[in-house]
Amino acid sequence: MDAEDLLTQYAAGVRDFSQANLQGISLFNQTLSFANLSGANLSQADLRSLDLFGADLTWSNLQQANLAGANLTRANLRGAHLEGADLRSANLRKANLRGSFYDQTTRFPAGFRITPR
């Protein structure tokens, strides 16, 4: 699925994109609030400034994705793979990161504190 197809479906009211292969997709400055992206492959995707308010990203692959400036308010990232992801300046207010996977290459917003697992 490419960005144009995904955004067309989203505009038509589709919200379930679970298990979709979106590797390397560019969704810069778009809106996918309340989308179901659980189990989706978003590795190496350009998700800068993407509005993911309330989105379900459980068990998604966000390795090396660029989420700088993304709105992840109330997003569910439980079990998501964030290794190498860029979350600088992302809004993570009330986001669920329990059980997510990250390492020293994951870039979180300045001052963001990770709750122990």
PDB file of N, CA and C in Angstrom:
ATOM      1  N   MET A   1       0.851  -1.169   0.000  1.00  0.00           N
ATOM      2  CA  MET A   1       0.000   0.000   0.000  1.00  0.00           C
ATOM      3  C   MET A   1       0.899   1.235   0.000  1.00  0.00           C
ATOM      4  N   ASP A   2       0.594   2.189  -0.862  1.00  0.00           N
ATOM      5  CA  ASP A   2       1.379   3.419  -0.873  1.00  0.00           C
ATOM      6  C   ASP A   2       0.617   4.519  -0.137  1.00  0.00           C
ATOM      7  N   ALA A   3       1.265   5.669   0.037  1.00  0.00           N
ATOM      8  CA  ALA A   3       0.699   6.767   0.810  1.00  0.00           C
ATOM      9  C   ALA A   3      -0.610   7.272   0.210  1.00  0.00           C
ATOM     10  N   GLU A   4      -0.652   7.399  -1.098  1.00  0.00           N
ATOM     11  CA  GLU A   4      -1.858   7.918  -1.752  1.00  0.00           C
ATOM     12  C   GLU A   4      -3.057   7.007  -1.508  1.00  0.00           C
ATOM     13  N   ASP A   5      -2.841   5.712  -1.632  1.00  0.00           N
ATOM     14  CA  ASP A   5      -3.909   4.743  -1.395  1.00  0.00           C
ATOM     15  C   ASP A   5      -4.378   4.793   0.056  1.00  0.00           C
ATOM     16  N   LEU A   6      -3.431   4.812   0.998  1.00  0.00           N
ATOM     17  CA  LEU A   6      -3.768   4.862   2.415  1.00  0.00           C
ATOM     18  C   LEU A   6      -4.568   6.121   2.739  1.00  0.00           C
ATOM     19  N   LEU A   7      -4.112   7.274   2.266  1.00  0.00           N
ATOM     20  CA  LEU A   7      -4.787   8.533   2.574  1.00  0.00           C
ATOM     21  C   LEU A   7      -6.157   8.616   1.914  1.00  0.00           C
ATOM     22  N   THR A   8      -6.307   8.036   0.735  1.00  0.00           N
ATOM     23  CA  THR A   8      -7.611   8.005   0.071  1.00  0.00           C
ATOM     24  C   THR A   8      -8.593   7.156   0.873  1.00  0.00           C
ATOM     25  N   GLN A   9      -8.129   5.997   1.316  1.00  0.00           N
ATOM     26  CA  GLN A   9      -8.983   5.133   2.135  1.00  0.00           C
ATOM     27  C   GLN A   9      -9.343   5.807   3.456  1.00  0.00           C
ATOM     28  N   TYR A  10      -8.369   6.454   4.077  1.00  0.00           N
ATOM     29  CA  TYR A  10      -8.611   7.149   5.344  1.00  0.00           C
ATOM     30  C   TYR A  10      -9.662   8.248   5.140  1.00  0.00           C
ATOM     31  N   ALA A  11      -9.537   9.022   4.068  1.00  0.00           N
ATOM     32  CA  ALA A  11     -10.501  10.094   3.779  1.00  0.00           C
ATOM     33  C   ALA A  11     -11.906   9.530   3.541  1.00  0.00           C
ATOM     34  N   ALA A  12     -11.982   8.274   3.068  1.00  0.00           N
ATOM     35  CA  ALA A  12     -13.272   7.630   2.818  1.00  0.00           C
ATOM     36  C   ALA A  12     -13.852   6.994   4.087  1.00  0.00           C
ATOM     37  N   GLY A  13     -13.139   7.111   5.199  1.00  0.00           N
ATOM     38  CA  GLY A  13     -13.651   6.605   6.465  1.00  0.00           C
ATOM     39  C   GLY A  13     -13.035   5.319   6.959  1.00  0.00           C
ATOM     40  N   VAL A  14     -12.128   4.724   6.193  1.00  0.00           N
ATOM     41  CA  VAL A  14     -11.444   3.503   6.634  1.00  0.00           C
ATOM     42  C   VAL A  14     -10.461   3.881   7.736  1.00  0.00           C
ATOM     43  N   ARG A  15     -10.469   3.111   8.826  1.00  0.00           N
ATOM     44  CA  ARG A  15      -9.536   3.362   9.921  1.00  0.00           C
ATOM     45  C   ARG A  15      -8.688   2.145  10.254  1.00  0.00           C
ATOM     46  N   ASP A  16      -9.012   0.990   9.695  1.00  0.00           N
ATOM     47  CA  ASP A  16      -8.293  -0.239  10.020  1.00  0.00           C
ATOM     48  C   ASP A  16      -7.218  -0.534   8.975  1.00  0.00           C
ATOM     49  N   PHE A  17      -5.983  -0.290   9.390  1.00  0.00           N
ATOM     50  CA  PHE A  17      -4.823  -0.581   8.554  1.00  0.00           C
ATOM     51  C   PHE A  17      -3.891  -1.546   9.297  1.00  0.00           C
ATOM     52  N   SER A  18      -4.482  -2.360  10.165  1.00  0.00           N
ATOM     53  CA  SER A  18      -3.691  -3.303  10.952  1.00  0.00           C
ATOM     54  C   SER A  18      -2.970  -4.275  10.021  1.00  0.00           C
ATOM     55  N   GLN A  19      -1.768  -4.623  10.411  1.00  0.00           N
ATOM     56  CA  GLN A  19      -0.910  -5.562   9.693  1.00  0.00           C
ATOM     57  C   GLN A  19      -0.449  -5.058   8.310  1.00  0.00           C
ATOM     58  N   ALA A  20      -0.724  -3.814   7.970  1.00  0.00           N
ATOM     59  CA  ALA A  20      -0.340  -3.281   6.650  1.00  0.00           C
ATOM     60  C   ALA A  20       1.182  -3.158   6.542  1.00  0.00           C
ATOM     61  N   ASN A  21       1.696  -3.403   5.354  1.00  0.00           N
ATOM     62  CA  ASN A  21       3.118  -3.205   5.098  1.00  0.00           C
ATOM     63  C   ASN A  21       3.291  -1.796   4.534  1.00  0.00           C
ATOM     64  N   LEU A  22       3.750  -0.893   5.392  1.00  0.00           N
ATOM     65  CA  LEU A  22       3.927   0.509   5.028  1.00  0.00           C
ATOM     66  C   LEU A  22       5.393   0.915   5.163  1.00  0.00           C
ATOM     67  N   GLN A  23       6.273  -0.033   5.018  1.00  0.00           N
ATOM     68  CA  GLN A  23       7.703   0.221   5.171  1.00  0.00           C
ATOM     69  C   GLN A  23       8.139   1.333   4.225  1.00  0.00           C
ATOM     70  N   GLY A  24       8.835   2.327   4.790  1.00  0.00           N
ATOM     71  CA  GLY A  24       9.396   3.418   4.000  1.00  0.00           C
ATOM     72  C   GLY A  24       8.382   4.427   3.486  1.00  0.00           C
ATOM     73  N   ILE A  25       7.138   4.336   3.901  1.00  0.00           N
ATOM     74  CA  ILE A  25       6.097   5.246   3.428  1.00  0.00           C
ATOM     75  C   ILE A  25       6.377   6.677   3.900  1.00  0.00           C
ATOM     76  N   SER A  26       5.958   7.655   3.132  1.00  0.00           N
ATOM     77  CA  SER A  26       6.099   9.056   3.523  1.00  0.00           C
ATOM     78  C   SER A  26       4.701   9.624   3.784  1.00  0.00           C
ATOM     79  N   LEU A  27       4.464   9.987   5.054  1.00  0.00           N
ATOM     80  CA  LEU A  27       3.182  10.566   5.460  1.00  0.00           C
ATOM     81  C   LEU A  27       3.413  11.897   6.168  1.00  0.00           C
ATOM     82  N   PHE A  28       4.411  12.616   5.717  1.00  0.00           N
ATOM     83  CA  PHE A  28       4.781  13.892   6.334  1.00  0.00           C
ATOM     84  C   PHE A  28       3.568  14.822   6.427  1.00  0.00           C
ATOM     85  N   ASN A  29       3.307  15.311   7.652  1.00  0.00           N
ATOM     86  CA  ASN A  29       2.304  16.346   7.922  1.00  0.00           C
ATOM     87  C   ASN A  29       0.882  15.943   7.502  1.00  0.00           C
ATOM     88  N   GLN A  30       0.560  14.654   7.629  1.00  0.00           N
ATOM     89  CA  GLN A  30      -0.784  14.157   7.314  1.00  0.00           C
ATOM     90  C   GLN A  30      -1.530  13.848   8.610  1.00  0.00           C
ATOM     91  N   THR A  31      -2.757  13.357   8.499  1.00  0.00           N
ATOM     92  CA  THR A  31      -3.568  13.004   9.664  1.00  0.00           C
ATOM     93  C   THR A  31      -4.044  11.567   9.552  1.00  0.00           C
ATOM     94  N   LEU A  32      -3.760  10.798  10.608  1.00  0.00           N
ATOM     95  CA  LEU A  32      -4.277   9.439  10.735  1.00  0.00           C
ATOM     96  C   LEU A  32      -4.783   9.225  12.167  1.00  0.00           C
ATOM     97  N   SER A  33      -5.443  10.228  12.723  1.00  0.00           N
ATOM     98  CA  SER A  33      -5.921  10.106  14.093  1.00  0.00           C
ATOM     99  C   SER A  33      -6.942   8.977  14.190  1.00  0.00           C
ATOM    100  N   PHE A  34      -6.855   8.246  15.293  1.00  0.00           N
ATOM    101  CA  PHE A  34      -7.710   7.103  15.615  1.00  0.00           C
ATOM    102  C   PHE A  34      -7.584   5.943  14.621  1.00  0.00           C
ATOM    103  N   ALA A  35      -6.534   5.923  13.820  1.00  0.00           N
ATOM    104  CA  ALA A  35      -6.313   4.805  12.891  1.00  0.00           C
ATOM    105  C   ALA A  35      -5.827   3.582  13.653  1.00  0.00           C
ATOM    106  N   ASN A  36      -6.200   2.408  13.174  1.00  0.00           N
ATOM    107  CA  ASN A  36      -5.705   1.156  13.720  1.00  0.00           C
ATOM    108  C   ASN A  36      -4.528   0.710  12.866  1.00  0.00           C
ATOM    109  N   LEU A  37      -3.335   0.882  13.418  1.00  0.00           N
ATOM    110  CA  LEU A  37      -2.101   0.478  12.743  1.00  0.00           C
ATOM    111  C   LEU A  37      -1.405  -0.625  13.526  1.00  0.00           C
ATOM    112  N   SER A  38      -2.195  -1.369  14.301  1.00  0.00           N
ATOM    113  CA  SER A  38      -1.602  -2.422  15.125  1.00  0.00           C
ATOM    114  C   SER A  38      -0.948  -3.474  14.232  1.00  0.00           C
ATOM    115  N   GLY A  39       0.260  -3.832  14.600  1.00  0.00           N
ATOM    116  CA  GLY A  39       1.010  -4.833  13.846  1.00  0.00           C
ATOM    117  C   GLY A  39       1.505  -4.371  12.485  1.00  0.00           C
ATOM    118  N   ALA A  40       1.321  -3.099  12.163  1.00  0.00           N
ATOM    119  CA  ALA A  40       1.754  -2.584  10.857  1.00  0.00           C
ATOM    120  C   ALA A  40       3.275  -2.431  10.811  1.00  0.00           C
ATOM    121  N   ASN A  41       3.832  -2.580   9.624  1.00  0.00           N
ATOM    122  CA  ASN A  41       5.256  -2.357   9.417  1.00  0.00           C
ATOM    123  C   ASN A  41       5.443  -0.931   8.907  1.00  0.00           C
ATOM    124  N   LEU A  42       5.910  -0.060   9.791  1.00  0.00           N
ATOM    125  CA  LEU A  42       6.181   1.337   9.462  1.00  0.00           C
ATOM    126  C   LEU A  42       7.673   1.630   9.586  1.00  0.00           C
ATOM    127  N   SER A  43       8.487   0.604   9.478  1.00  0.00           N
ATOM    128  CA  SER A  43       9.922   0.809   9.614  1.00  0.00           C
ATOM    129  C   SER A  43      10.425   1.725   8.503  1.00  0.00           C
ATOM    130  N   GLN A  44      11.362   2.585   8.869  1.00  0.00           N
ATOM    131  CA  GLN A  44      12.009   3.530   7.953  1.00  0.00           C
ATOM    132  C   GLN A  44      11.029   4.506   7.303  1.00  0.00           C
ATOM    133  N   ALA A  45       9.861   4.682   7.904  1.00  0.00           N
ATOM    134  CA  ALA A  45       8.845   5.582   7.346  1.00  0.00           C
ATOM    135  C   ALA A  45       9.107   7.026   7.753  1.00  0.00           C
ATOM    136  N   ASP A  46       8.707   7.958   6.897  1.00  0.00           N
ATOM    137  CA  ASP A  46       8.771   9.383   7.195  1.00  0.00           C
ATOM    138  C   ASP A  46       7.413   9.786   7.758  1.00  0.00           C
ATOM    139  N   LEU A  47       7.344   9.863   9.081  1.00  0.00           N
ATOM    140  CA  LEU A  47       6.100  10.178   9.778  1.00  0.00           C
ATOM    141  C   LEU A  47       6.215  11.517  10.507  1.00  0.00           C
ATOM    142  N   ARG A  48       7.099  12.371  10.020  1.00  0.00           N
ATOM    143  CA  ARG A  48       7.297  13.668  10.659  1.00  0.00           C
ATOM    144  C   ARG A  48       5.999  14.469  10.647  1.00  0.00           C
ATOM    145  N   SER A  49       5.679  15.056  11.796  1.00  0.00           N
ATOM    146  CA  SER A  49       4.516  15.922  11.976  1.00  0.00           C
ATOM    147  C   SER A  49       3.192  15.222  11.655  1.00  0.00           C
ATOM    148  N   LEU A  50       3.180  13.897  11.647  1.00  0.00           N
ATOM    149  CA  LEU A  50       1.963  13.132  11.392  1.00  0.00           C
ATOM    150  C   LEU A  50       1.073  13.177  12.627  1.00  0.00           C
ATOM    151  N   ASP A  51      -0.213  13.422  12.442  1.00  0.00           N
ATOM    152  CA  ASP A  51      -1.171  13.433  13.551  1.00  0.00           C
ATOM    153  C   ASP A  51      -1.693  12.017  13.755  1.00  0.00           C
ATOM    154  N   LEU A  52      -1.234  11.389  14.833  1.00  0.00           N
ATOM    155  CA  LEU A  52      -1.649  10.040  15.199  1.00  0.00           C
ATOM    156  C   LEU A  52      -2.409  10.054  16.525  1.00  0.00           C
ATOM    157  N   PHE A  53      -3.150  11.111  16.792  1.00  0.00           N
ATOM    158  CA  PHE A  53      -3.912  11.239  18.037  1.00  0.00           C
ATOM    159  C   PHE A  53      -4.814  10.012  18.202  1.00  0.00           C
ATOM    160  N   GLY A  54      -4.671   9.324  19.324  1.00  0.00           N
ATOM    161  CA  GLY A  54      -5.521   8.187  19.634  1.00  0.00           C
ATOM    162  C   GLY A  54      -5.333   6.967  18.753  1.00  0.00           C
ATOM    163  N   ALA A  55      -4.269   6.923  17.982  1.00  0.00           N
ATOM    164  CA  ALA A  55      -4.036   5.791  17.066  1.00  0.00           C
ATOM    165  C   ALA A  55      -3.603   4.547  17.841  1.00  0.00           C
ATOM    166  N   ASP A  56      -3.932   3.394  17.297  1.00  0.00           N
ATOM    167  CA  ASP A  56      -3.512   2.118  17.864  1.00  0.00           C
ATOM    168  C   ASP A  56      -2.298   1.627  17.095  1.00  0.00           C
ATOM    169  N   LEU A  57      -1.132   1.672  17.751  1.00  0.00           N
ATOM    170  CA  LEU A  57       0.128   1.232  17.154  1.00  0.00           C
ATOM    171  C   LEU A  57       0.698   0.035  17.912  1.00  0.00           C
ATOM    172  N   THR A  58      -0.162  -0.720  18.598  1.00  0.00           N
ATOM    173  CA  THR A  58       0.324  -1.859  19.364  1.00  0.00           C
ATOM    174  C   THR A  58       1.041  -2.843  18.449  1.00  0.00           C
ATOM    175  N   TRP A  59       2.184  -3.292  18.918  1.00  0.00           N
ATOM    176  CA  TRP A  59       3.020  -4.270  18.235  1.00  0.00           C
ATOM    177  C   TRP A  59       3.414  -3.857  16.811  1.00  0.00           C
ATOM    178  N   SER A  60       3.376  -2.568  16.533  1.00  0.00           N
ATOM    179  CA  SER A  60       3.809  -2.098  15.213  1.00  0.00           C
ATOM    180  C   SER A  60       5.334  -2.015  15.159  1.00  0.00           C
ATOM    181  N   ASN A  61       5.866  -2.044  13.942  1.00  0.00           N
ATOM    182  CA  ASN A  61       7.298  -1.932  13.717  1.00  0.00           C
ATOM    183  C   ASN A  61       7.592  -0.501  13.282  1.00  0.00           C
ATOM    184  N   LEU A  62       8.168   0.276  14.194  1.00  0.00           N
ATOM    185  CA  LEU A  62       8.536   1.661  13.919  1.00  0.00           C
ATOM    186  C   LEU A  62      10.055   1.832  13.944  1.00  0.00           C
ATOM    187  N   GLN A  63      10.776   0.754  13.706  1.00  0.00           N
ATOM    188  CA  GLN A  63      12.229   0.828  13.727  1.00  0.00           C
ATOM    189  C   GLN A  63      12.723   1.795  12.662  1.00  0.00           C
ATOM    190  N   GLN A  64      13.593   2.703  13.088  1.00  0.00           N
ATOM    191  CA  GLN A  64      14.214   3.711  12.226  1.00  0.00           C
ATOM    192  C   GLN A  64      13.197   4.633  11.547  1.00  0.00           C
ATOM    193  N   ALA A  65      11.996   4.717  12.085  1.00  0.00           N
ATOM    194  CA  ALA A  65      10.996   5.652  11.555  1.00  0.00           C
ATOM    195  C   ALA A  65      11.277   7.047  12.084  1.00  0.00           C
ATOM    196  N   ASN A  66      10.959   8.051  11.281  1.00  0.00           N
ATOM    197  CA  ASN A  66      11.134   9.437  11.701  1.00  0.00           C
ATOM    198  C   ASN A  66       9.777   9.975  12.134  1.00  0.00           C
ATOM    199  N   LEU A  67       9.600  10.099  13.457  1.00  0.00           N
ATOM    200  CA  LEU A  67       8.366  10.597  14.052  1.00  0.00           C
ATOM    201  C   LEU A  67       8.573  11.971  14.686  1.00  0.00           C
ATOM    202  N   ALA A  68       9.608  12.673  14.276  1.00  0.00           N
ATOM    203  CA  ALA A  68       9.899  13.988  14.845  1.00  0.00           C
ATOM    204  C   ALA A  68       8.700  14.911  14.636  1.00  0.00           C
ATOM    205  N   GLY A  69       8.233  15.505  15.709  1.00  0.00           N
ATOM    206  CA  GLY A  69       7.108  16.435  15.634  1.00  0.00           C
ATOM    207  C   GLY A  69       5.748  15.779  15.491  1.00  0.00           C
ATOM    208  N   ALA A  70       5.690  14.447  15.525  1.00  0.00           N
ATOM    209  CA  ALA A  70       4.408  13.749  15.380  1.00  0.00           C
ATOM    210  C   ALA A  70       3.552  13.944  16.624  1.00  0.00           C
ATOM    211  N   ASN A  71       2.238  13.937  16.440  1.00  0.00           N
ATOM    212  CA  ASN A  71       1.306  14.004  17.559  1.00  0.00           C
ATOM    213  C   ASN A  71       0.892  12.585  17.910  1.00  0.00           C
ATOM    214  N   LEU A  72       1.433  12.080  19.009  1.00  0.00           N
ATOM    215  CA  LEU A  72       1.119  10.742  19.491  1.00  0.00           C
ATOM    216  C   LEU A  72       0.306  10.801  20.781  1.00  0.00           C
ATOM    217  N   THR A  73      -0.382  11.904  21.007  1.00  0.00           N
ATOM    218  CA  THR A  73      -1.222  12.051  22.190  1.00  0.00           C
ATOM    219  C   THR A  73      -2.244  10.918  22.233  1.00  0.00           C
ATOM    220  N   ARG A  74      -2.292  10.230  23.373  1.00  0.00           N
ATOM    221  CA  ARG A  74      -3.226   9.122  23.613  1.00  0.00           C
ATOM    222  C   ARG A  74      -3.053   7.936  22.652  1.00  0.00           C
ATOM    223  N   ALA A  75      -1.938   7.896  21.942  1.00  0.00           N
ATOM    224  CA  ALA A  75      -1.668   6.754  21.060  1.00  0.00           C
ATOM    225  C   ALA A  75      -1.250   5.551  21.892  1.00  0.00           C
ATOM    226  N   ASN A  76      -1.603   4.370  21.426  1.00  0.00           N
ATOM    227  CA  ASN A  76      -1.221   3.142  22.103  1.00  0.00           C
ATOM    228  C   ASN A  76      -0.039   2.525  21.364  1.00  0.00           C
ATOM    229  N   LEU A  77       1.137   2.595  22.003  1.00  0.00           N
ATOM    230  CA  LEU A  77       2.375   2.060  21.432  1.00  0.00           C
ATOM    231  C   LEU A  77       2.844   0.830  22.207  1.00  0.00           C
ATOM    232  N   ARG A  78       1.931   0.168  22.896  1.00  0.00           N
ATOM    233  CA  ARG A  78       2.284  -1.004  23.691  1.00  0.00           C
ATOM    234  C   ARG A  78       2.912  -2.069  22.789  1.00  0.00           C
ATOM    235  N   GLY A  79       4.111  -2.489  23.153  1.00  0.00           N
ATOM    236  CA  GLY A  79       4.806  -3.532  22.402  1.00  0.00           C
ATOM    237  C   GLY A  79       5.398  -3.080  21.075  1.00  0.00           C
ATOM    238  N   ALA A  80       5.324  -1.789  20.783  1.00  0.00           N
ATOM    239  CA  ALA A  80       5.860  -1.285  19.510  1.00  0.00           C
ATOM    240  C   ALA A  80       7.389  -1.339  19.514  1.00  0.00           C
ATOM    241  N   HIS A  81       7.958  -1.592  18.360  1.00  0.00           N
ATOM    242  CA  HIS A  81       9.414  -1.607  18.201  1.00  0.00           C
ATOM    243  C   HIS A  81       9.857  -0.217  17.760  1.00  0.00           C
ATOM    244  N   LEU A  82      10.599   0.452  18.648  1.00  0.00           N
ATOM    245  CA  LEU A  82      11.030   1.830  18.430  1.00  0.00           C
ATOM    246  C   LEU A  82      12.541   1.958  18.278  1.00  0.00           C
ATOM    247  N   GLU A  83      13.234   0.858  18.098  1.00  0.00           N
ATOM    248  CA  GLU A  83      14.683   0.919  17.989  1.00  0.00           C
ATOM    249  C   GLU A  83      15.074   1.801  16.795  1.00  0.00           C
ATOM    250  N   GLY A  84      15.919   2.786  17.073  1.00  0.00           N
ATOM    251  CA  GLY A  84      16.399   3.680  16.018  1.00  0.00           C
ATOM    252  C   GLY A  84      15.398   4.728  15.578  1.00  0.00           C
ATOM    253  N   ALA A  85      14.228   4.778  16.201  1.00  0.00           N
ATOM    254  CA  ALA A  85      13.206   5.764  15.811  1.00  0.00           C
ATOM    255  C   ALA A  85      13.572   7.153  16.331  1.00  0.00           C
ATOM    256  N   ASP A  86      13.175   8.169  15.587  1.00  0.00           N
ATOM    257  CA  ASP A  86      13.394   9.559  15.980  1.00  0.00           C
ATOM    258  C   ASP A  86      12.068  10.132  16.455  1.00  0.00           C
ATOM    259  N   LEU A  87      11.941  10.322  17.768  1.00  0.00           N
ATOM    260  CA  LEU A  87      10.728  10.863  18.379  1.00  0.00           C
ATOM    261  C   LEU A  87      10.971  12.268  18.935  1.00  0.00           C
ATOM    262  N   ARG A  88      12.079  12.890  18.511  1.00  0.00           N
ATOM    263  CA  ARG A  88      12.367  14.229  19.025  1.00  0.00           C
ATOM    264  C   ARG A  88      11.227  15.175  18.687  1.00  0.00           C
ATOM    265  N   SER A  89      10.832  15.958  19.633  1.00  0.00           N
ATOM    266  CA  SER A  89       9.748  16.943  19.549  1.00  0.00           C
ATOM    267  C   SER A  89       8.379  16.314  19.282  1.00  0.00           C
ATOM    268  N   ALA A  90       8.271  14.986  19.401  1.00  0.00           N
ATOM    269  CA  ALA A  90       6.957  14.337  19.271  1.00  0.00           C
ATOM    270  C   ALA A  90       6.151  14.603  20.540  1.00  0.00           C
ATOM    271  N   ASN A  91       4.842  14.697  20.400  1.00  0.00           N
ATOM    272  CA  ASN A  91       3.961  14.862  21.542  1.00  0.00           C
ATOM    273  C   ASN A  91       3.553  13.474  22.010  1.00  0.00           C
ATOM    274  N   LEU A  92       4.057  13.066  23.159  1.00  0.00           N
ATOM    275  CA  LEU A  92       3.777  11.749  23.717  1.00  0.00           C
ATOM    276  C   LEU A  92       2.867  11.830  24.941  1.00  0.00           C
ATOM    277  N   ARG A  93       2.135  12.919  25.078  1.00  0.00           N
ATOM    278  CA  ARG A  93       1.262  13.112  26.236  1.00  0.00           C
ATOM    279  C   ARG A  93       0.204  12.007  26.268  1.00  0.00           C
ATOM    280  N   LYS A  94       0.163  11.313  27.402  1.00  0.00           N
ATOM    281  CA  LYS A  94      -0.785  10.229  27.654  1.00  0.00           C
ATOM    282  C   LYS A  94      -0.669   9.076  26.654  1.00  0.00           C
ATOM    283  N   ALA A  95       0.477   8.964  25.979  1.00  0.00           N
ATOM    284  CA  ALA A  95       0.725   7.816  25.099  1.00  0.00           C
ATOM    285  C   ALA A  95       1.087   6.612  25.958  1.00  0.00           C
ATOM    286  N   ASN A  96       0.663   5.437  25.554  1.00  0.00           N
ATOM    287  CA  ASN A  96       0.985   4.207  26.259  1.00  0.00           C
ATOM    288  C   ASN A  96       2.217   3.580  25.610  1.00  0.00           C
ATOM    289  N   LEU A  97       3.334   3.601  26.340  1.00  0.00           N
ATOM    290  CA  LEU A  97       4.591   3.024  25.843  1.00  0.00           C
ATOM    291  C   LEU A  97       4.969   1.758  26.608  1.00  0.00           C
ATOM    292  N   ARG A  98       4.049   1.242  27.416  1.00  0.00           N
ATOM    293  CA  ARG A  98       4.364   0.046  28.209  1.00  0.00           C
ATOM    294  C   ARG A  98       4.720  -1.118  27.293  1.00  0.00           C
ATOM    295  N   GLY A  99       5.814  -1.759  27.626  1.00  0.00           N
ATOM    296  CA  GLY A  99       6.238  -2.928  26.877  1.00  0.00           C
ATOM    297  C   GLY A  99       6.806  -2.626  25.498  1.00  0.00           C
ATOM    298  N   SER A 100       7.010  -1.337  25.203  1.00  0.00           N
ATOM    299  CA  SER A 100       7.604  -1.006  23.904  1.00  0.00           C
ATOM    300  C   SER A 100       9.096  -1.318  23.941  1.00  0.00           C
ATOM    301  N   PHE A 101       9.662  -1.497  22.772  1.00  0.00           N
ATOM    302  CA  PHE A 101      11.067  -1.853  22.649  1.00  0.00           C
ATOM    303  C   PHE A 101      11.843  -0.653  22.102  1.00  0.00           C
ATOM    304  N   TYR A 102      12.881  -0.266  22.804  1.00  0.00           N
ATOM    305  CA  TYR A 102      13.724   0.853  22.392  1.00  0.00           C
ATOM    306  C   TYR A 102      15.140   0.567  22.842  1.00  0.00           C
ATOM    307  N   ASP A 103      16.083   1.292  22.297  1.00  0.00           N
ATOM    308  CA  ASP A 103      17.474   1.111  22.688  1.00  0.00           C
ATOM    309  C   ASP A 103      18.174   2.461  22.680  1.00  0.00           C
ATOM    310  N   GLN A 104      19.487   2.451  22.757  1.00  0.00           N
ATOM    311  CA  GLN A 104      20.250   3.701  22.833  1.00  0.00           C
ATOM    312  C   GLN A 104      20.148   4.515  21.553  1.00  0.00           C
ATOM    313  N   THR A 105      19.690   3.929  20.467  1.00  0.00           N
ATOM    314  CA  THR A 105      19.558   4.674  19.212  1.00  0.00           C
ATOM    315  C   THR A 105      18.181   5.340  19.070  1.00  0.00           C
ATOM    316  N   THR A 106      17.258   5.041  19.981  1.00  0.00           N
ATOM    317  CA  THR A 106      15.937   5.674  19.966  1.00  0.00           C
ATOM    318  C   THR A 106      16.082   7.089  20.518  1.00  0.00           C
ATOM    319  N   ARG A 107      15.589   8.069  19.775  1.00  0.00           N
ATOM    320  CA  ARG A 107      15.707   9.467  20.207  1.00  0.00           C
ATOM    321  C   ARG A 107      14.350   9.971  20.686  1.00  0.00           C
ATOM    322  N   PHE A 108      14.257  10.184  22.006  1.00  0.00           N
ATOM    323  CA  PHE A 108      13.037  10.685  22.624  1.00  0.00           C
ATOM    324  C   PHE A 108      13.097  12.199  22.759  1.00  0.00           C
ATOM    325  N   PRO A 109      11.938  12.849  22.980  1.00  0.00           N
ATOM    326  CA  PRO A 109      11.944  14.307  23.176  1.00  0.00           C
ATOM    327  C   PRO A 109      12.801  14.696  24.378  1.00  0.00           C
ATOM    328  N   ALA A 110      13.393  15.861  24.305  1.00  0.00           N
ATOM    329  CA  ALA A 110      14.215  16.362  25.405  1.00  0.00           C
ATOM    330  C   ALA A 110      13.388  16.366  26.693  1.00  0.00           C
ATOM    331  N   GLY A 111      13.973  15.843  27.751  1.00  0.00           N
ATOM    332  CA  GLY A 111      13.314  15.817  29.048  1.00  0.00           C
ATOM    333  C   GLY A 111      12.295  14.698  29.223  1.00  0.00           C
ATOM    334  N   PHE A 112      12.077  13.908  28.194  1.00  0.00           N
ATOM    335  CA  PHE A 112      11.095  12.819  28.303  1.00  0.00           C
ATOM    336  C   PHE A 112      11.657  11.728  29.190  1.00  0.00           C
ATOM    337  N   ARG A 113      10.854  11.270  30.116  1.00  0.00           N
ATOM    338  CA  ARG A 113      11.294  10.222  31.041  1.00  0.00           C
ATOM    339  C   ARG A 113      10.564   8.936  30.724  1.00  0.00           C
ATOM    340  N   ILE A 114      11.322   7.874  30.594  1.00  0.00           N
ATOM    341  CA  ILE A 114      10.769   6.561  30.356  1.00  0.00           C
ATOM    342  C   ILE A 114      10.434   5.933  31.705  1.00  0.00           C
ATOM    343  N   THR A 115       9.198   5.454  31.844  1.00  0.00           N
ATOM    344  CA  THR A 115       8.810   4.746  33.041  1.00  0.00           C
ATOM    345  C   THR A 115       9.406   3.345  32.992  1.00  0.00           C
ATOM    346  N   PRO A 116      10.011   2.894  34.077  1.00  0.00           N
ATOM    347  CA  PRO A 116      10.608   1.548  34.062  1.00  0.00           C
ATOM    348  C   PRO A 116       9.577   0.488  33.660  1.00  0.00           C
ATOM    349  N   ARG A 117      10.043  -0.501  32.930  1.00  0.00           N
ATOM    350  CA  ARG A 117       9.151  -1.562  32.448  1.00  0.00           C
ATOM    351  C   ARG A 117       8.724  -2.473  33.561  1.00  0.00           C
TER     352      ARG A 117
END
